[in-house]
Amino acid sequence: MATAEPLDGLSPDLPRVADLSRECRAHTIVPMRAEDSSTLYARVFGPASGFAEDPGSGSAAGPIGLFARQLWGTDERIVVGMGAEIGRPSRIEVDITNEVLVRGRVTISAEGNFLI
C-alpha cells in the first residue's frame, strides 16, 4: 500500500490487519513511502502470519523495490528502511538493474521465489 503520508505514527489495529490480510490472501500488509528517488520506508505488518511487525524483511524489500519503480519511477538501486518504530532499525539495499538483488545484514529466516 503506497502512501505519501508518514509511517512512523501508525498504530494499526492488528486484528483488523490480520482480517484484511486474509481477505487479500496475503501474508503481510506493507505500507510504504518514497522519501526520495533512492530511499523508501516501509512497515511490514504480519499478524495473520503470527507476528505483529517485521523489523527488516528482505523478502518484502525486493517486491517493494519493483513496485516503487513501477509506481513512482524510483531508481534501480534503492535503500528500504524498516523497523525504527519497534526499536530495530533496518537498512536493506535493493538493486533491480538486471535482476532483483537484496543486500544487507540480515538473519535468514526463510527462502522462496516471488512471482510478480
Protein backbone atom coordinates (compact mmCIF):
# COMPACT_ATOMS: atom_id res chain seq x y z
CA MET A 1 0.00 0.00 0.00
CA ALA A 2 1.71 3.17 -1.21
CA THR A 3 1.24 6.48 0.56
CA ALA A 4 2.73 9.95 0.76
CA GLU A 5 1.91 10.10 4.48
CA PRO A 6 4.49 9.46 7.23
CA LEU A 7 4.52 5.88 8.52
CA ASP A 8 6.11 6.44 11.91
CA GLY A 9 2.84 7.30 13.65
CA LEU A 10 0.95 4.21 12.51
CA SER A 11 -0.58 2.22 15.32
CA PRO A 12 -2.56 -0.41 13.43
CA ASP A 13 -5.45 -2.42 14.75
CA LEU A 14 -3.64 -5.77 14.39
CA PRO A 15 -6.77 -7.97 14.44
CA ARG A 16 -8.17 -5.85 11.59
CA VAL A 17 -4.83 -6.06 9.74
CA ALA A 18 -4.98 -9.85 10.13
CA ASP A 19 -8.54 -9.89 8.73
CA LEU A 20 -7.50 -7.69 5.80
CA SER A 21 -4.51 -9.94 5.11
CA ARG A 22 -6.75 -12.98 4.97
CA GLU A 23 -9.27 -11.16 2.75
CA CYS A 24 -6.44 -10.30 0.32
CA ARG A 25 -4.90 -13.77 0.62
CA ALA A 26 -1.66 -12.08 1.71
CA HIS A 27 0.78 -12.92 4.49
CA THR A 28 1.56 -9.28 5.25
CA ILE A 29 0.27 -5.75 4.77
CA VAL A 30 3.06 -3.36 3.78
CA PRO A 31 2.53 0.40 3.78
CA MET A 32 5.41 2.12 2.00
CA ARG A 33 6.52 5.65 1.27
CA ALA A 34 9.15 7.11 -1.06
CA GLU A 35 11.37 9.56 0.79
CA ASP A 36 13.16 10.40 -2.48
CA SER A 37 14.11 8.56 -5.68
CA SER A 38 16.52 6.21 -3.91
CA THR A 39 15.15 5.93 -0.37
CA LEU A 40 11.94 4.26 0.72
CA TYR A 41 10.47 3.50 4.09
CA ALA A 42 8.15 0.59 4.75
CA ARG A 43 6.49 -1.21 7.62
CA VAL A 44 5.68 -4.91 7.35
CA PHE A 45 2.70 -5.99 9.44
CA GLY A 46 2.03 -9.73 9.63
CA PRO A 47 -0.44 -10.64 12.38
CA ALA A 48 -2.14 -13.17 10.09
CA SER A 49 1.25 -14.92 9.83
CA GLY A 50 1.94 -14.87 13.57
CA PHE A 51 3.98 -11.66 14.05
CA ALA A 52 3.00 -8.06 14.67
CA GLU A 53 5.72 -6.27 12.69
CA ASP A 54 8.88 -7.42 10.92
CA PRO A 55 11.78 -5.04 11.61
CA GLY A 56 13.64 -5.90 8.41
CA SER A 57 12.02 -8.05 5.76
CA GLY A 58 14.36 -8.88 2.91
CA SER A 59 11.59 -10.90 1.32
CA ALA A 60 9.40 -7.77 1.21
CA ALA A 61 12.19 -5.39 0.15
CA GLY A 62 12.62 -6.85 -3.36
CA PRO A 63 8.94 -6.56 -4.31
CA ILE A 64 8.84 -3.12 -2.65
CA GLY A 65 11.69 -2.02 -4.95
CA LEU A 66 9.94 -3.33 -8.06
CA PHE A 67 6.59 -1.81 -7.12
CA ALA A 68 8.14 1.57 -6.24
CA ARG A 69 9.94 1.65 -9.59
CA GLN A 70 6.66 0.99 -11.45
CA LEU A 71 4.60 3.36 -9.31
CA TRP A 72 6.95 6.29 -8.68
CA GLY A 73 9.84 5.74 -11.12
CA THR A 74 12.35 5.35 -8.30
CA ASP A 75 15.97 4.46 -9.04
CA GLU A 76 17.06 0.92 -9.89
CA ARG A 77 19.20 0.92 -6.75
CA ILE A 78 17.38 1.92 -3.60
CA VAL A 79 17.53 1.60 0.16
CA VAL A 80 14.45 0.46 2.07
CA GLY A 81 14.33 1.41 5.74
CA MET A 82 12.19 -0.53 8.22
CA GLY A 83 11.86 -1.31 11.90
CA ALA A 84 12.70 2.01 13.60
CA GLU A 85 9.32 2.20 15.32
CA ILE A 86 9.89 -1.10 17.11
CA GLY A 87 13.45 -0.30 18.12
CA ARG A 88 15.16 -2.44 15.45
CA PRO A 89 16.02 -0.13 12.56
CA SER A 90 16.98 -1.88 9.35
CA ARG A 91 18.52 -0.69 6.12
CA ILE A 92 18.06 -3.03 3.16
CA GLU A 93 19.64 -2.36 -0.22
CA VAL A 94 17.69 -3.38 -3.33
CA ASP A 95 19.13 -3.45 -6.85
CA ILE A 96 16.76 -4.20 -9.73
CA THR A 97 19.20 -3.30 -12.54
CA ASN A 98 19.28 -6.78 -14.13
CA GLU A 99 17.52 -8.98 -11.59
CA VAL A 100 16.26 -8.40 -8.09
CA LEU A 101 19.15 -8.36 -5.62
CA VAL A 102 18.58 -7.70 -1.93
CA ARG A 103 21.52 -6.90 0.33
CA GLY A 104 22.08 -6.00 3.93
CA ARG A 105 22.97 -7.53 7.23
CA VAL A 106 20.09 -9.86 7.88
CA THR A 107 19.17 -13.06 9.60
CA ILE A 108 17.77 -15.51 7.05
CA SER A 109 14.53 -16.98 8.32
CA ALA A 110 13.10 -18.34 5.05
CA GLU A 111 13.81 -18.62 1.34
CA GLY A 112 11.49 -18.60 -1.66
CA ASN A 113 10.56 -17.17 -5.02
CA PHE A 114 8.28 -14.27 -5.94
CA LEU A 115 6.06 -14.04 -8.98
CA ILE A 116 5.03 -10.50 -9.82
